[in-house]
Amino acid sequence: MPVVKIKEGETFESAMRRFKKQCEKAGILSEIRKREHYEKPSVKIKRKRMAARKRALKKQKKLMA
């Protein structure tokens, strides 16, 4: 869980910006979006296979160039 301590003389906006950056690094927002709706195991496997295929094609293109 990201924690931000407000420094003396620091504005709320800058503290909020630091908090959002820490949340992004921790992957909290992506985790929330992922768990927002139930995903069937078959759909999850299909999505992972497609992502793996996309990574492999990208890697293959990079090696060819």
C-alpha atoms as a PDB file:
ATOM      1  CA  MET A   1       0.000   0.000   0.000  1.00  0.00           C
ATOM      2  CA  PRO A   2       1.551   3.302  -1.068  1.00  0.00           C
ATOM      3  CA  VAL A   3       2.025   5.823   1.707  1.00  0.00           C
ATOM      4  CA  VAL A   4       2.882   9.482   1.172  1.00  0.00           C
ATOM      5  CA  LYS A   5       3.934  11.707   4.034  1.00  0.00           C
ATOM      6  CA  ILE A   6       3.389  15.366   3.285  1.00  0.00           C
ATOM      7  CA  LYS A   7       6.590  17.318   3.702  1.00  0.00           C
ATOM      8  CA  GLU A   8       6.608  20.692   5.376  1.00  0.00           C
ATOM      9  CA  GLY A   9       5.689  23.400   2.902  1.00  0.00           C
ATOM     10  CA  GLU A  10       4.591  20.878   0.257  1.00  0.00           C
ATOM     11  CA  THR A  11       1.371  21.548  -1.601  1.00  0.00           C
ATOM     12  CA  PHE A  12      -1.463  19.061  -1.633  1.00  0.00           C
ATOM     13  CA  GLU A  13      -1.243  18.789  -5.427  1.00  0.00           C
ATOM     14  CA  SER A  14       2.400  17.692  -5.374  1.00  0.00           C
ATOM     15  CA  ALA A  15       1.703  15.146  -2.628  1.00  0.00           C
ATOM     16  CA  MET A  16      -1.243  13.816  -4.637  1.00  0.00           C
ATOM     17  CA  ARG A  17       0.980  13.553  -7.720  1.00  0.00           C
ATOM     18  CA  ARG A  18       3.545  11.520  -5.735  1.00  0.00           C
ATOM     19  CA  PHE A  19       0.778   9.261  -4.407  1.00  0.00           C
ATOM     20  CA  LYS A  20      -0.592   8.627  -7.905  1.00  0.00           C
ATOM     21  CA  LYS A  21       2.904   7.823  -9.170  1.00  0.00           C
ATOM     22  CA  GLN A  22       3.444   5.328  -6.331  1.00  0.00           C
ATOM     23  CA  CYS A  23       0.066   3.705  -7.064  1.00  0.00           C
ATOM     24  CA  GLU A  24       1.038   3.374 -10.724  1.00  0.00           C
ATOM     25  CA  LYS A  25       4.378   1.761  -9.814  1.00  0.00           C
ATOM     26  CA  ALA A  26       2.658  -0.647  -7.416  1.00  0.00           C
ATOM     27  CA  GLY A  27       0.185  -1.660 -10.139  1.00  0.00           C
ATOM     28  CA  ILE A  28      -2.872  -0.944  -8.032  1.00  0.00           C
ATOM     29  CA  LEU A  29      -4.979   0.638 -10.784  1.00  0.00           C
ATOM     30  CA  SER A  30      -4.347  -2.182 -13.252  1.00  0.00           C
ATOM     31  CA  GLU A  31      -5.209  -4.710 -10.537  1.00  0.00           C
ATOM     32  CA  ILE A  32      -8.488  -2.914  -9.817  1.00  0.00           C
ATOM     33  CA  ARG A  33      -9.426  -2.869 -13.506  1.00  0.00           C
ATOM     34  CA  LYS A  34      -8.544  -6.550 -13.810  1.00  0.00           C
ATOM     35  CA  ARG A  35     -10.746  -7.534 -10.854  1.00  0.00           C
ATOM     36  CA  GLU A  36     -13.638  -5.234 -11.750  1.00  0.00           C
ATOM     37  CA  HIS A  37     -15.525  -8.037 -13.543  1.00  0.00           C
ATOM     38  CA  TYR A  38     -15.281 -11.794 -13.217  1.00  0.00           C
ATOM     39  CA  GLU A  39     -13.269 -13.435 -15.972  1.00  0.00           C
ATOM     40  CA  LYS A  40     -13.920 -17.082 -16.758  1.00  0.00           C
ATOM     41  CA  PRO A  41     -10.854 -19.330 -16.616  1.00  0.00           C
ATOM     42  CA  SER A  42     -11.188 -20.172 -20.314  1.00  0.00           C
ATOM     43  CA  VAL A  43     -11.215 -16.484 -21.225  1.00  0.00           C
ATOM     44  CA  LYS A  44      -8.253 -15.830 -18.955  1.00  0.00           C
ATOM     45  CA  ILE A  45      -6.222 -18.610 -20.619  1.00  0.00           C
ATOM     46  CA  LYS A  46      -7.151 -17.346 -24.076  1.00  0.00           C
ATOM     47  CA  ARG A  47      -6.068 -13.800 -23.154  1.00  0.00           C
ATOM     48  CA  LYS A  48      -2.745 -15.049 -21.795  1.00  0.00           C
ATOM     49  CA  ARG A  49      -2.095 -17.095 -24.940  1.00  0.00           C
ATOM     50  CA  MET A  50      -2.793 -14.082 -27.145  1.00  0.00           C
ATOM     51  CA  ALA A  51      -0.435 -11.937 -25.063  1.00  0.00           C
ATOM     52  CA  ALA A  52       2.289 -14.593 -25.312  1.00  0.00           C
ATOM     53  CA  ARG A  53       1.817 -14.813 -29.080  1.00  0.00           C
ATOM     54  CA  LYS A  54       2.025 -11.030 -29.374  1.00  0.00           C
ATOM     55  CA  ARG A  55       5.247 -10.945 -27.320  1.00  0.00           C
ATOM     56  CA  ALA A  56       6.768 -13.733 -29.434  1.00  0.00           C
ATOM     57  CA  LEU A  57       5.926 -11.947 -32.698  1.00  0.00           C
ATOM     58  CA  LYS A  58       7.365  -8.707 -31.356  1.00  0.00           C
ATOM     59  CA  LYS A  59      10.552 -10.485 -30.287  1.00  0.00           C
ATOM     60  CA  GLN A  60      10.824 -12.213 -33.666  1.00  0.00           C
ATOM     61  CA  LYS A  61      10.413  -8.898 -35.528  1.00  0.00           C
ATOM     62  CA  LYS A  62      13.103  -7.330 -33.343  1.00  0.00           C
ATOM     63  CA  LEU A  63      15.550 -10.165 -34.140  1.00  0.00           C
ATOM     64  CA  MET A  64      14.856  -9.906 -37.886  1.00  0.00           C
ATOM     65  CA  ALA A  65      15.515  -6.161 -38.040  1.00  0.00           C
END
